[in-house]
Amino acid sequence: MGFGLHSNSNIAQQFSEALNDLFRAEVDEVEDALLEHDSRPSAQRWLELRRALETRIGGHQRRLYFVHMYCDDNIIGVVGVHRAIRVLKTWRRLVQRAGIVMAIPEKRSLGVWAIWLGALIFASFGLIVVPKDKILRATAAISQLNAEGTTTALAATTTATTAAPTTTATTAAPTAAMALQRGNVDVGNAPRGAAAAFTARRR
């Protein structure tokens, strides 16, 4: 898919959401059964609370992982080392079947912190750090909007983007990393303590 077309980001996002849905279906098939058979009282109590939440608001609320993707930037958070390994294997099988070429190993990482969409996510501390350059760019864009008005500022942004060098498949390729988002994985009440994640962008 070539760069420079307005519809590309929407097309990429729709594909990413479809891929995430397939991924969730495969992971849930394995992880739901494992959780149901976890005999520990703490695990069963957690499941009871999550089922009550499902009854109240709907949706699947018993996942000890999350997956999000912005265009081609993917992040997956996982509670527990063994679960993380299973999830990684599932992701690998899925992208192989889909014929998606992932980034080279040097562009991937695995651990309790990650860089995703330019922000540093530290799972161990439940902390997200936005680098200074991103803050300065955002501040400059807001200042420009305030000074010139939305239409003028957006036109200038579009012109600058169009004139920018074409991004190659290599520079746009995936990054993989580990992270955690407390809003999606209830680590405090989870039956397994270790929390981790990884990201992987498509090439």
C-alpha atoms as a PDB file:
ATOM      1  CA  MET A   1       0.000   0.000   0.000  1.00  0.00           C
ATOM      2  CA  GLY A   2       1.541   3.269  -1.111  1.00  0.00           C
ATOM      3  CA  PHE A   3       2.011   6.233   1.169  1.00  0.00           C
ATOM      4  CA  GLY A   4       0.473   9.649   0.602  1.00  0.00           C
ATOM      5  CA  LEU A   5      -3.173   8.619   0.142  1.00  0.00           C
ATOM      6  CA  HIS A   6      -5.660   9.986   2.676  1.00  0.00           C
ATOM      7  CA  SER A   7      -7.541   6.688   2.992  1.00  0.00           C
ATOM      8  CA  ASN A   8      -4.499   4.569   3.815  1.00  0.00           C
ATOM      9  CA  SER A   9      -4.547   5.039   7.583  1.00  0.00           C
ATOM     10  CA  ASN A  10      -8.215   4.047   7.739  1.00  0.00           C
ATOM     11  CA  ILE A  11      -7.612   0.974   5.570  1.00  0.00           C
ATOM     12  CA  ALA A  12      -4.645  -0.036   7.749  1.00  0.00           C
ATOM     13  CA  GLN A  13      -6.659   0.475  10.941  1.00  0.00           C
ATOM     14  CA  GLN A  14      -9.548  -1.666   9.723  1.00  0.00           C
ATOM     15  CA  PHE A  15      -7.153  -4.461   8.812  1.00  0.00           C
ATOM     16  CA  SER A  16      -5.445  -4.155  12.199  1.00  0.00           C
ATOM     17  CA  GLU A  17      -8.760  -4.384  14.063  1.00  0.00           C
ATOM     18  CA  ALA A  18      -9.697  -7.497  12.086  1.00  0.00           C
ATOM     19  CA  LEU A  19      -6.321  -9.040  12.901  1.00  0.00           C
ATOM     20  CA  ASN A  20      -6.794  -8.242  16.598  1.00  0.00           C
ATOM     21  CA  ASP A  21     -10.221  -9.896  16.585  1.00  0.00           C
ATOM     22  CA  LEU A  22      -8.759 -13.079  15.109  1.00  0.00           C
ATOM     23  CA  PHE A  23      -5.985 -12.965  17.683  1.00  0.00           C
ATOM     24  CA  ARG A  24      -8.388 -12.535  20.620  1.00  0.00           C
ATOM     25  CA  ALA A  25     -10.521 -15.439  19.421  1.00  0.00           C
ATOM     26  CA  GLU A  26      -7.519 -17.775  19.318  1.00  0.00           C
ATOM     27  CA  VAL A  27      -6.093 -16.651  22.649  1.00  0.00           C
ATOM     28  CA  ASP A  28      -9.467 -16.763  24.411  1.00  0.00           C
ATOM     29  CA  GLU A  29     -10.049 -20.322  23.252  1.00  0.00           C
ATOM     30  CA  VAL A  30      -6.988 -21.440  25.218  1.00  0.00           C
ATOM     31  CA  GLU A  31      -6.834 -18.969  28.103  1.00  0.00           C
ATOM     32  CA  ASP A  32     -10.518 -19.101  29.067  1.00  0.00           C
ATOM     33  CA  ALA A  33     -10.332 -22.848  29.612  1.00  0.00           C
ATOM     34  CA  LEU A  34      -7.123 -22.575  31.636  1.00  0.00           C
ATOM     35  CA  LEU A  35      -8.617 -19.929  33.906  1.00  0.00           C
ATOM     36  CA  GLU A  36     -11.814 -21.908  34.443  1.00  0.00           C
ATOM     37  CA  HIS A  37      -9.751 -24.887  35.624  1.00  0.00           C
ATOM     38  CA  ASP A  38      -7.547 -22.836  37.954  1.00  0.00           C
ATOM     39  CA  SER A  39      -8.501 -24.309  41.334  1.00  0.00           C
ATOM     40  CA  ARG A  40      -6.981 -21.579  43.473  1.00  0.00           C
ATOM     41  CA  PRO A  41      -9.604 -19.696  45.524  1.00  0.00           C
ATOM     42  CA  SER A  42      -8.084 -16.349  44.509  1.00  0.00           C
ATOM     43  CA  ALA A  43      -8.451 -17.216  40.823  1.00  0.00           C
ATOM     44  CA  GLN A  44     -12.053 -18.371  41.198  1.00  0.00           C
ATOM     45  CA  ARG A  45     -12.935 -15.279  43.215  1.00  0.00           C
ATOM     46  CA  TRP A  46     -11.420 -13.096  40.498  1.00  0.00           C
ATOM     47  CA  LEU A  47     -13.418 -14.942  37.835  1.00  0.00           C
ATOM     48  CA  GLU A  48     -16.585 -14.468  39.861  1.00  0.00           C
ATOM     49  CA  LEU A  49     -16.008 -10.714  40.001  1.00  0.00           C
ATOM     50  CA  ARG A  50     -15.245 -10.514  36.290  1.00  0.00           C
ATOM     51  CA  ARG A  51     -18.361 -12.504  35.363  1.00  0.00           C
ATOM     52  CA  ALA A  52     -20.417 -10.059  37.420  1.00  0.00           C
ATOM     53  CA  LEU A  53     -18.821  -7.244  35.439  1.00  0.00           C
ATOM     54  CA  GLU A  54     -19.737  -8.986  32.175  1.00  0.00           C
ATOM     55  CA  THR A  55     -23.339  -9.226  33.328  1.00  0.00           C
ATOM     56  CA  ARG A  56     -23.371  -5.540  34.152  1.00  0.00           C
ATOM     57  CA  ILE A  57     -21.609  -4.021  31.135  1.00  0.00           C
ATOM     58  CA  GLY A  58     -21.214  -6.865  28.618  1.00  0.00           C
ATOM     59  CA  GLY A  59     -18.180  -7.937  26.624  1.00  0.00           C
ATOM     60  CA  HIS A  60     -15.379 -10.295  27.580  1.00  0.00           C
ATOM     61  CA  GLN A  61     -14.031  -9.151  30.959  1.00  0.00           C
ATOM     62  CA  ARG A  62     -11.972 -12.206  31.966  1.00  0.00           C
ATOM     63  CA  ARG A  63      -8.877 -11.618  29.873  1.00  0.00           C
ATOM     64  CA  LEU A  64      -5.461 -11.480  31.521  1.00  0.00           C
ATOM     65  CA  TYR A  65      -4.043  -9.797  28.447  1.00  0.00           C
ATOM     66  CA  PHE A  66      -4.861  -6.916  26.127  1.00  0.00           C
ATOM     67  CA  VAL A  67      -4.099  -6.142  22.507  1.00  0.00           C
ATOM     68  CA  HIS A  68      -4.235  -2.786  20.725  1.00  0.00           C
ATOM     69  CA  MET A  69      -3.001  -1.633  17.357  1.00  0.00           C
ATOM     70  CA  TYR A  70      -2.702   1.825  15.861  1.00  0.00           C
ATOM     71  CA  CYS A  71      -2.431   1.344  12.096  1.00  0.00           C
ATOM     72  CA  ASP A  72       0.551  -1.020  12.062  1.00  0.00           C
ATOM     73  CA  ASP A  73       1.848  -0.422  15.604  1.00  0.00           C
ATOM     74  CA  ASN A  74       0.809  -3.328  17.801  1.00  0.00           C
ATOM     75  CA  ILE A  75       1.056  -3.716  21.570  1.00  0.00           C
ATOM     76  CA  ILE A  76       0.039  -6.708  23.675  1.00  0.00           C
ATOM     77  CA  GLY A  77       0.056  -6.763  27.470  1.00  0.00           C
ATOM     78  CA  VAL A  78       0.131 -10.069  29.321  1.00  0.00           C
ATOM     79  CA  VAL A  79      -0.119 -11.142  32.962  1.00  0.00           C
ATOM     80  CA  GLY A  80       2.259 -14.005  33.711  1.00  0.00           C
ATOM     81  CA  VAL A  81       5.351 -15.394  32.022  1.00  0.00           C
ATOM     82  CA  HIS A  82       3.812 -18.677  30.821  1.00  0.00           C
ATOM     83  CA  ARG A  83       0.811 -16.854  29.423  1.00  0.00           C
ATOM     84  CA  ALA A  84       3.141 -14.426  27.640  1.00  0.00           C
ATOM     85  CA  ILE A  85       4.884 -17.343  25.921  1.00  0.00           C
ATOM     86  CA  ARG A  86       1.559 -18.832  24.812  1.00  0.00           C
ATOM     87  CA  VAL A  87       0.394 -15.460  23.520  1.00  0.00           C
ATOM     88  CA  LEU A  88       3.617 -14.900  21.584  1.00  0.00           C
ATOM     89  CA  LYS A  89       3.252 -18.299  19.919  1.00  0.00           C
ATOM     90  CA  THR A  90      -0.352 -17.533  18.993  1.00  0.00           C
ATOM     91  CA  TRP A  91       0.657 -14.192  17.476  1.00  0.00           C
ATOM     92  CA  ARG A  92       3.418 -15.871  15.501  1.00  0.00           C
ATOM     93  CA  ARG A  93       1.078 -18.520  14.084  1.00  0.00           C
ATOM     94  CA  LEU A  94      -1.509 -15.897  13.167  1.00  0.00           C
ATOM     95  CA  VAL A  95       0.827 -13.599  11.243  1.00  0.00           C
ATOM     96  CA  GLN A  96       2.400 -16.550   9.452  1.00  0.00           C
ATOM     97  CA  ARG A  97      -1.007 -17.775   8.281  1.00  0.00           C
ATOM     98  CA  ALA A  98      -1.927 -14.241   7.223  1.00  0.00           C
ATOM     99  CA  GLY A  99       1.315 -13.920   5.277  1.00  0.00           C
ATOM    100  CA  ILE A 100       2.389 -10.813   7.197  1.00  0.00           C
ATOM    101  CA  VAL A 101       6.122 -10.062   7.272  1.00  0.00           C
ATOM    102  CA  MET A 102       7.191  -8.816  10.686  1.00  0.00           C
ATOM    103  CA  ALA A 103      10.108  -6.552  11.518  1.00  0.00           C
ATOM    104  CA  ILE A 104      13.648  -7.814  11.829  1.00  0.00           C
ATOM    105  CA  PRO A 105      14.620  -9.054  15.332  1.00  0.00           C
ATOM    106  CA  GLU A 106      16.688  -5.929  16.007  1.00  0.00           C
ATOM    107  CA  LYS A 107      13.475  -3.905  15.915  1.00  0.00           C
ATOM    108  CA  ARG A 108      11.753  -6.052  18.537  1.00  0.00           C
ATOM    109  CA  SER A 109      12.044  -6.238  22.293  1.00  0.00           C
ATOM    110  CA  LEU A 110      10.522  -8.166  25.152  1.00  0.00           C
ATOM    111  CA  GLY A 111      10.404  -7.141  28.784  1.00  0.00           C
ATOM    112  CA  VAL A 112       8.574  -4.986  31.300  1.00  0.00           C
ATOM    113  CA  TRP A 113       8.980  -1.694  29.426  1.00  0.00           C
ATOM    114  CA  ALA A 114       8.406  -0.595  25.859  1.00  0.00           C
ATOM    115  CA  ILE A 115       8.384   2.276  23.414  1.00  0.00           C
ATOM    116  CA  TRP A 116       4.976   2.410  21.742  1.00  0.00           C
ATOM    117  CA  LEU A 117       3.812   5.256  19.504  1.00  0.00           C
ATOM    118  CA  GLY A 118       6.831   7.202  20.694  1.00  0.00           C
ATOM    119  CA  ALA A 119       5.946   7.001  24.397  1.00  0.00           C
ATOM    120  CA  LEU A 120       7.907   4.989  26.968  1.00  0.00           C
ATOM    121  CA  ILE A 121       5.687   2.562  28.877  1.00  0.00           C
ATOM    122  CA  PHE A 122       7.093   1.167  32.126  1.00  0.00           C
ATOM    123  CA  ALA A 123       4.984  -1.821  33.196  1.00  0.00           C
ATOM    124  CA  SER A 124       6.693  -2.262  36.573  1.00  0.00           C
ATOM    125  CA  PHE A 125       5.710   1.236  37.676  1.00  0.00           C
ATOM    126  CA  GLY A 126       2.435   1.661  35.801  1.00  0.00           C
ATOM    127  CA  LEU A 127       4.054   4.742  34.249  1.00  0.00           C
ATOM    128  CA  ILE A 128       4.016   6.282  30.768  1.00  0.00           C
ATOM    129  CA  VAL A 129       6.672   8.851  29.865  1.00  0.00           C
ATOM    130  CA  VAL A 130       6.236  11.138  26.860  1.00  0.00           C
ATOM    131  CA  PRO A 131       9.623  12.260  25.455  1.00  0.00           C
ATOM    132  CA  LYS A 132      10.355  15.995  25.408  1.00  0.00           C
ATOM    133  CA  ASP A 133      10.498  16.195  21.600  1.00  0.00           C
ATOM    134  CA  LYS A 134       6.942  14.880  21.319  1.00  0.00           C
ATOM    135  CA  ILE A 135       5.723  17.358  23.911  1.00  0.00           C
ATOM    136  CA  LEU A 136       7.429  20.217  22.050  1.00  0.00           C
ATOM    137  CA  ARG A 137       5.903  19.137  18.720  1.00  0.00           C
ATOM    138  CA  ALA A 138       2.427  18.875  20.263  1.00  0.00           C
ATOM    139  CA  THR A 139       2.827  22.255  21.948  1.00  0.00           C
ATOM    140  CA  ALA A 140       3.958  23.846  18.682  1.00  0.00           C
ATOM    141  CA  ALA A 141       0.982  22.363  16.806  1.00  0.00           C
ATOM    142  CA  ILE A 142      -1.476  23.616  19.430  1.00  0.00           C
ATOM    143  CA  SER A 143       0.114  27.061  19.374  1.00  0.00           C
ATOM    144  CA  GLN A 144      -0.154  27.129  15.589  1.00  0.00           C
ATOM    145  CA  LEU A 145      -3.825  26.163  15.756  1.00  0.00           C
ATOM    146  CA  ASN A 146      -4.513  28.907  18.277  1.00  0.00           C
ATOM    147  CA  ALA A 147      -2.629  31.510  16.259  1.00  0.00           C
ATOM    148  CA  GLU A 148      -3.703  30.673  12.702  1.00  0.00           C
ATOM    149  CA  GLY A 149      -6.997  28.867  13.087  1.00  0.00           C
ATOM    150  CA  THR A 150      -7.823  25.239  12.400  1.00  0.00           C
ATOM    151  CA  THR A 151      -8.151  25.443   8.600  1.00  0.00           C
ATOM    152  CA  THR A 152      -4.844  27.266   8.024  1.00  0.00           C
ATOM    153  CA  ALA A 153      -2.869  25.123  10.469  1.00  0.00           C
ATOM    154  CA  LEU A 154      -4.221  21.866   9.067  1.00  0.00           C
ATOM    155  CA  ALA A 155      -3.470  22.962   5.522  1.00  0.00           C
ATOM    156  CA  ALA A 156       0.116  23.741   6.534  1.00  0.00           C
ATOM    157  CA  THR A 157       0.417  20.358   8.236  1.00  0.00           C
ATOM    158  CA  THR A 158      -0.938  18.541   5.172  1.00  0.00           C
ATOM    159  CA  THR A 159       1.470  20.385   2.888  1.00  0.00           C
ATOM    160  CA  ALA A 160       4.440  19.535   5.116  1.00  0.00           C
ATOM    161  CA  THR A 161       3.403  15.890   5.286  1.00  0.00           C
ATOM    162  CA  THR A 162       2.949  15.601   1.532  1.00  0.00           C
ATOM    163  CA  ALA A 163       6.326  17.195   0.888  1.00  0.00           C
ATOM    164  CA  ALA A 164       8.113  14.901   3.314  1.00  0.00           C
ATOM    165  CA  PRO A 165      10.341  12.075   2.003  1.00  0.00           C
ATOM    166  CA  THR A 166       8.578   8.826   1.223  1.00  0.00           C
ATOM    167  CA  THR A 167       8.730   6.361   4.092  1.00  0.00           C
ATOM    168  CA  THR A 168      10.223   3.042   3.073  1.00  0.00           C
ATOM    169  CA  ALA A 169       8.985  -0.376   4.146  1.00  0.00           C
ATOM    170  CA  THR A 170      12.104  -0.731   6.277  1.00  0.00           C
ATOM    171  CA  THR A 171      11.656   2.463   8.284  1.00  0.00           C
ATOM    172  CA  ALA A 172       7.964   1.755   8.727  1.00  0.00           C
ATOM    173  CA  ALA A 173       8.607  -1.773   9.914  1.00  0.00           C
ATOM    174  CA  PRO A 174       7.515  -3.229  13.273  1.00  0.00           C
ATOM    175  CA  THR A 175       8.795  -2.787  16.746  1.00  0.00           C
ATOM    176  CA  ALA A 176       8.110  -5.352  19.456  1.00  0.00           C
ATOM    177  CA  ALA A 177       8.205  -4.610  23.149  1.00  0.00           C
ATOM    178  CA  MET A 178       6.690  -5.335  26.534  1.00  0.00           C
ATOM    179  CA  ALA A 179       4.307  -3.059  28.360  1.00  0.00           C
ATOM    180  CA  LEU A 180       1.303  -2.929  30.626  1.00  0.00           C
ATOM    181  CA  GLN A 181      -1.834  -0.839  30.716  1.00  0.00           C
ATOM    182  CA  ARG A 182      -3.633  -1.095  34.029  1.00  0.00           C
ATOM    183  CA  GLY A 183      -6.848   0.080  32.478  1.00  0.00           C
ATOM    184  CA  ASN A 184      -7.082  -3.115  30.423  1.00  0.00           C
ATOM    185  CA  VAL A 185      -5.478  -5.696  32.690  1.00  0.00           C
ATOM    186  CA  ASP A 186      -6.542  -5.615  36.330  1.00  0.00           C
ATOM    187  CA  VAL A 187      -3.157  -6.587  37.709  1.00  0.00           C
ATOM    188  CA  GLY A 188      -4.038  -5.940  41.332  1.00  0.00           C
ATOM    189  CA  ASN A 189      -6.777  -8.563  41.339  1.00  0.00           C
ATOM    190  CA  ALA A 190      -5.301 -10.942  38.790  1.00  0.00           C
ATOM    191  CA  PRO A 191      -4.624 -14.517  39.899  1.00  0.00           C
ATOM    192  CA  ARG A 192      -1.057 -14.362  38.562  1.00  0.00           C
ATOM    193  CA  GLY A 193       1.254 -11.606  39.643  1.00  0.00           C
ATOM    194  CA  ALA A 194       3.831 -11.033  36.897  1.00  0.00           C
ATOM    195  CA  ALA A 195       2.714  -8.560  34.249  1.00  0.00           C
ATOM    196  CA  ALA A 196       4.328  -8.094  30.875  1.00  0.00           C
ATOM    197  CA  ALA A 197       3.596  -7.318  27.247  1.00  0.00           C
ATOM    198  CA  PHE A 198       5.059  -7.056  23.802  1.00  0.00           C
ATOM    199  CA  THR A 199       4.453  -5.057  20.671  1.00  0.00           C
ATOM    200  CA  ALA A 200       4.991  -5.979  17.055  1.00  0.00           C
ATOM    201  CA  ARG A 201       4.334  -3.752  14.084  1.00  0.00           C
ATOM    202  CA  ARG A 202       3.738  -5.106  10.614  1.00  0.00           C
ATOM    203  CA  ARG A 203       6.376  -4.408   8.020  1.00  0.00           C
END
